[in-house]
Amino acid sequence: MAYVVKADDRGRIKLPKDIATPGDRFLIIPVGRRIVLLKIPPKPIEASSSWLHTEKDKRELRSLAESQAIKEVEDKLRRKGVC
């Protein structure tokens, strides 16, 4: 499902209730003139501990995740002919 939201005079946007609840945290990734929002679980380490086994630290993992997310969005937009 897609939504159209409008920024207010201070540049803020409100997300629909079925997407975000008060206190939710999101990772915002700028991709050119677009942004990608990724919802962060309340306890990310615990949420990933069953499937993520690595020796990398949080900074390395974040960098890898951000670069992969940007690549995936760019690939998707390129396939759609938007970029």
N, C-alpha and C. Protein backbone atom coordinates (compact mmCIF):
# COMPACT_ATOMS: atom_id res chain seq x y z
N MET A 1 0.84 -1.17 0.00
CA MET A 1 0.00 0.00 0.00
C MET A 1 0.88 1.24 0.00
N ALA A 2 0.51 2.23 -0.75
CA ALA A 2 1.28 3.47 -0.84
C ALA A 2 0.51 4.62 -0.19
N TYR A 3 1.24 5.57 0.32
CA TYR A 3 0.65 6.75 0.95
C TYR A 3 1.29 7.99 0.38
N VAL A 4 0.55 9.07 0.34
CA VAL A 4 1.09 10.37 -0.01
C VAL A 4 0.96 11.23 1.25
N VAL A 5 2.08 11.77 1.70
CA VAL A 5 2.07 12.65 2.86
C VAL A 5 2.68 13.98 2.45
N LYS A 6 2.35 15.02 3.18
CA LYS A 6 2.83 16.36 2.86
C LYS A 6 3.62 16.90 4.05
N ALA A 7 4.75 17.52 3.76
CA ALA A 7 5.56 18.13 4.81
C ALA A 7 4.89 19.42 5.28
N ASP A 8 4.95 19.66 6.59
CA ASP A 8 4.39 20.91 7.10
C ASP A 8 5.39 22.05 6.92
N ASP A 9 5.07 23.22 7.44
CA ASP A 9 5.93 24.40 7.24
C ASP A 9 7.30 24.26 7.91
N ARG A 10 7.46 23.28 8.79
CA ARG A 10 8.76 23.04 9.43
C ARG A 10 9.48 21.84 8.84
N GLY A 11 8.94 21.28 7.75
CA GLY A 11 9.58 20.15 7.09
C GLY A 11 9.27 18.79 7.68
N ARG A 12 8.31 18.73 8.59
CA ARG A 12 7.96 17.47 9.23
C ARG A 12 6.87 16.76 8.44
N ILE A 13 6.89 15.44 8.50
CA ILE A 13 5.82 14.65 7.90
C ILE A 13 5.24 13.73 8.97
N LYS A 14 3.97 13.41 8.82
CA LYS A 14 3.33 12.46 9.72
C LYS A 14 3.12 11.17 8.96
N LEU A 15 3.45 10.07 9.60
CA LEU A 15 3.24 8.76 8.99
C LEU A 15 1.87 8.24 9.40
N PRO A 16 1.20 7.51 8.53
CA PRO A 16 -0.11 6.95 8.88
C PRO A 16 -0.03 6.04 10.10
N LYS A 17 -1.13 5.95 10.85
CA LYS A 17 -1.17 5.19 12.09
C LYS A 17 -0.81 3.72 11.91
N ASP A 18 -1.15 3.13 10.74
CA ASP A 18 -0.85 1.72 10.56
C ASP A 18 0.62 1.46 10.22
N ILE A 19 1.39 2.53 10.04
CA ILE A 19 2.82 2.39 9.76
C ILE A 19 3.65 2.66 11.01
N ALA A 20 3.26 3.68 11.77
CA ALA A 20 4.06 4.08 12.92
C ALA A 20 3.17 4.37 14.13
N THR A 21 3.70 4.05 15.29
CA THR A 21 3.04 4.38 16.54
C THR A 21 4.00 5.24 17.35
N PRO A 22 3.49 6.01 18.31
CA PRO A 22 4.40 6.86 19.10
C PRO A 22 5.54 6.04 19.72
N GLY A 23 6.74 6.56 19.59
CA GLY A 23 7.91 5.89 20.14
C GLY A 23 8.65 5.02 19.14
N ASP A 24 8.04 4.72 17.99
CA ASP A 24 8.75 3.93 16.97
C ASP A 24 9.96 4.71 16.48
N ARG A 25 11.02 3.97 16.15
CA ARG A 25 12.23 4.59 15.60
C ARG A 25 12.43 4.09 14.18
N PHE A 26 12.94 4.99 13.32
CA PHE A 26 13.18 4.67 11.93
C PHE A 26 14.57 5.10 11.54
N LEU A 27 15.18 4.32 10.67
CA LEU A 27 16.44 4.70 10.04
C LEU A 27 16.06 5.41 8.75
N ILE A 28 16.54 6.63 8.56
CA ILE A 28 16.25 7.39 7.35
C ILE A 28 17.48 7.37 6.47
N ILE A 29 17.32 6.87 5.24
CA ILE A 29 18.44 6.78 4.31
C ILE A 29 18.14 7.66 3.11
N PRO A 30 18.91 8.74 2.92
CA PRO A 30 18.71 9.57 1.72
C PRO A 30 19.26 8.85 0.49
N VAL A 31 18.46 8.82 -0.56
CA VAL A 31 18.86 8.20 -1.82
C VAL A 31 18.54 9.20 -2.92
N GLY A 32 19.50 10.07 -3.21
CA GLY A 32 19.24 11.11 -4.19
C GLY A 32 18.12 12.02 -3.70
N ARG A 33 17.09 12.17 -4.50
CA ARG A 33 15.95 13.00 -4.12
C ARG A 33 14.89 12.22 -3.37
N ARG A 34 15.19 11.01 -2.99
CA ARG A 34 14.25 10.15 -2.28
C ARG A 34 14.81 9.81 -0.91
N ILE A 35 13.91 9.27 -0.06
CA ILE A 35 14.35 8.77 1.23
C ILE A 35 13.78 7.37 1.42
N VAL A 36 14.48 6.57 2.19
CA VAL A 36 14.03 5.24 2.55
C VAL A 36 13.91 5.22 4.07
N LEU A 37 12.76 4.76 4.57
CA LEU A 37 12.56 4.62 6.00
C LEU A 37 12.58 3.14 6.35
N LEU A 38 13.40 2.78 7.30
CA LEU A 38 13.44 1.41 7.79
C LEU A 38 13.09 1.43 9.27
N LYS A 39 12.04 0.71 9.64
CA LYS A 39 11.62 0.67 11.03
C LYS A 39 12.64 -0.14 11.83
N ILE A 40 13.06 0.40 12.96
CA ILE A 40 14.03 -0.27 13.81
C ILE A 40 13.27 -1.00 14.91
N PRO A 41 13.50 -2.30 15.07
CA PRO A 41 12.83 -3.03 16.15
C PRO A 41 13.20 -2.44 17.51
N PRO A 42 12.32 -2.57 18.51
CA PRO A 42 12.62 -2.02 19.84
C PRO A 42 13.94 -2.53 20.41
N LYS A 43 14.25 -3.79 20.19
CA LYS A 43 15.52 -4.36 20.66
C LYS A 43 16.20 -5.04 19.47
N PRO A 44 16.89 -4.26 18.63
CA PRO A 44 17.45 -4.81 17.39
C PRO A 44 18.42 -5.96 17.58
N ILE A 45 19.23 -5.90 18.61
CA ILE A 45 20.20 -6.97 18.83
C ILE A 45 19.48 -8.28 19.14
N GLU A 46 18.48 -8.21 20.00
CA GLU A 46 17.71 -9.42 20.33
C GLU A 46 16.92 -9.91 19.13
N ALA A 47 16.37 -8.99 18.34
CA ALA A 47 15.57 -9.37 17.17
C ALA A 47 16.42 -10.09 16.13
N SER A 48 17.71 -9.77 16.07
CA SER A 48 18.56 -10.37 15.05
C SER A 48 19.45 -11.50 15.56
N SER A 49 19.44 -11.73 16.86
CA SER A 49 20.40 -12.69 17.42
C SER A 49 20.17 -14.12 16.94
N SER A 50 18.95 -14.46 16.54
CA SER A 50 18.70 -15.84 16.11
C SER A 50 19.21 -16.12 14.70
N TRP A 51 19.41 -15.06 13.90
CA TRP A 51 19.84 -15.29 12.52
C TRP A 51 21.10 -14.55 12.13
N LEU A 52 21.57 -13.63 12.96
CA LEU A 52 22.76 -12.85 12.61
C LEU A 52 23.93 -13.29 13.48
N HIS A 53 24.88 -13.94 12.85
CA HIS A 53 26.09 -14.39 13.56
C HIS A 53 27.27 -13.73 12.86
N THR A 54 27.94 -12.83 13.55
CA THR A 54 29.03 -12.09 12.92
C THR A 54 30.05 -11.63 13.96
N GLU A 55 31.24 -11.35 13.49
CA GLU A 55 32.29 -10.80 14.32
C GLU A 55 32.40 -9.28 14.15
N LYS A 56 31.58 -8.70 13.23
CA LYS A 56 31.65 -7.27 12.95
C LYS A 56 30.98 -6.48 14.07
N ASP A 57 31.48 -5.24 14.28
CA ASP A 57 30.87 -4.41 15.30
C ASP A 57 29.66 -3.66 14.72
N LYS A 58 28.94 -2.95 15.59
CA LYS A 58 27.70 -2.28 15.19
C LYS A 58 27.94 -1.27 14.07
N ARG A 59 29.04 -0.54 14.15
CA ARG A 59 29.34 0.49 13.13
C ARG A 59 29.51 -0.15 11.75
N GLU A 60 30.25 -1.24 11.69
CA GLU A 60 30.45 -1.94 10.42
C GLU A 60 29.12 -2.49 9.88
N LEU A 61 28.32 -3.08 10.76
CA LEU A 61 27.04 -3.64 10.34
C LEU A 61 26.11 -2.55 9.82
N ARG A 62 26.09 -1.41 10.51
CA ARG A 62 25.23 -0.30 10.07
C ARG A 62 25.65 0.20 8.69
N SER A 63 26.94 0.37 8.50
CA SER A 63 27.45 0.84 7.22
C SER A 63 27.09 -0.13 6.10
N LEU A 64 27.26 -1.42 6.37
CA LEU A 64 26.90 -2.43 5.36
C LEU A 64 25.40 -2.40 5.05
N ALA A 65 24.59 -2.29 6.09
CA ALA A 65 23.13 -2.27 5.90
C ALA A 65 22.70 -1.05 5.09
N GLU A 66 23.25 0.12 5.41
CA GLU A 66 22.89 1.33 4.70
C GLU A 66 23.29 1.25 3.23
N SER A 67 24.50 0.79 2.96
CA SER A 67 24.95 0.72 1.57
C SER A 67 24.14 -0.31 0.78
N GLN A 68 23.79 -1.42 1.41
CA GLN A 68 22.98 -2.44 0.73
C GLN A 68 21.57 -1.91 0.47
N ALA A 69 20.98 -1.21 1.43
CA ALA A 69 19.64 -0.65 1.25
C ALA A 69 19.63 0.37 0.11
N ILE A 70 20.63 1.22 0.06
CA ILE A 70 20.72 2.20 -1.02
C ILE A 70 20.85 1.50 -2.36
N LYS A 71 21.70 0.49 -2.43
CA LYS A 71 21.88 -0.26 -3.68
C LYS A 71 20.57 -0.91 -4.13
N GLU A 72 19.85 -1.51 -3.18
CA GLU A 72 18.59 -2.16 -3.53
C GLU A 72 17.55 -1.16 -4.03
N VAL A 73 17.46 -0.02 -3.39
CA VAL A 73 16.50 1.00 -3.82
C VAL A 73 16.89 1.53 -5.20
N GLU A 74 18.16 1.82 -5.40
CA GLU A 74 18.61 2.30 -6.71
C GLU A 74 18.33 1.28 -7.80
N ASP A 75 18.58 0.00 -7.53
CA ASP A 75 18.31 -1.06 -8.51
C ASP A 75 16.82 -1.12 -8.84
N LYS A 76 15.99 -1.04 -7.81
CA LYS A 76 14.55 -1.11 -8.02
C LYS A 76 14.06 0.08 -8.85
N LEU A 77 14.55 1.27 -8.51
CA LEU A 77 14.16 2.47 -9.26
C LEU A 77 14.65 2.40 -10.70
N ARG A 78 15.85 1.87 -10.89
CA ARG A 78 16.39 1.73 -12.25
C ARG A 78 15.53 0.76 -13.07
N ARG A 79 15.10 -0.34 -12.43
CA ARG A 79 14.24 -1.30 -13.15
C ARG A 79 12.91 -0.68 -13.53
N LYS A 80 12.40 0.22 -12.67
CA LYS A 80 11.13 0.88 -12.96
C LYS A 80 11.29 2.05 -13.93
N GLY A 81 12.55 2.39 -14.24
CA GLY A 81 12.82 3.49 -15.17
C GLY A 81 12.67 4.86 -14.55
N VAL A 82 12.74 4.93 -13.22
CA VAL A 82 12.59 6.21 -12.53
C VAL A 82 13.90 6.96 -12.49
N CYS A 83 15.01 6.26 -12.37
CA CYS A 83 16.34 6.90 -12.30
C CYS A 83 16.96 7.00 -13.68
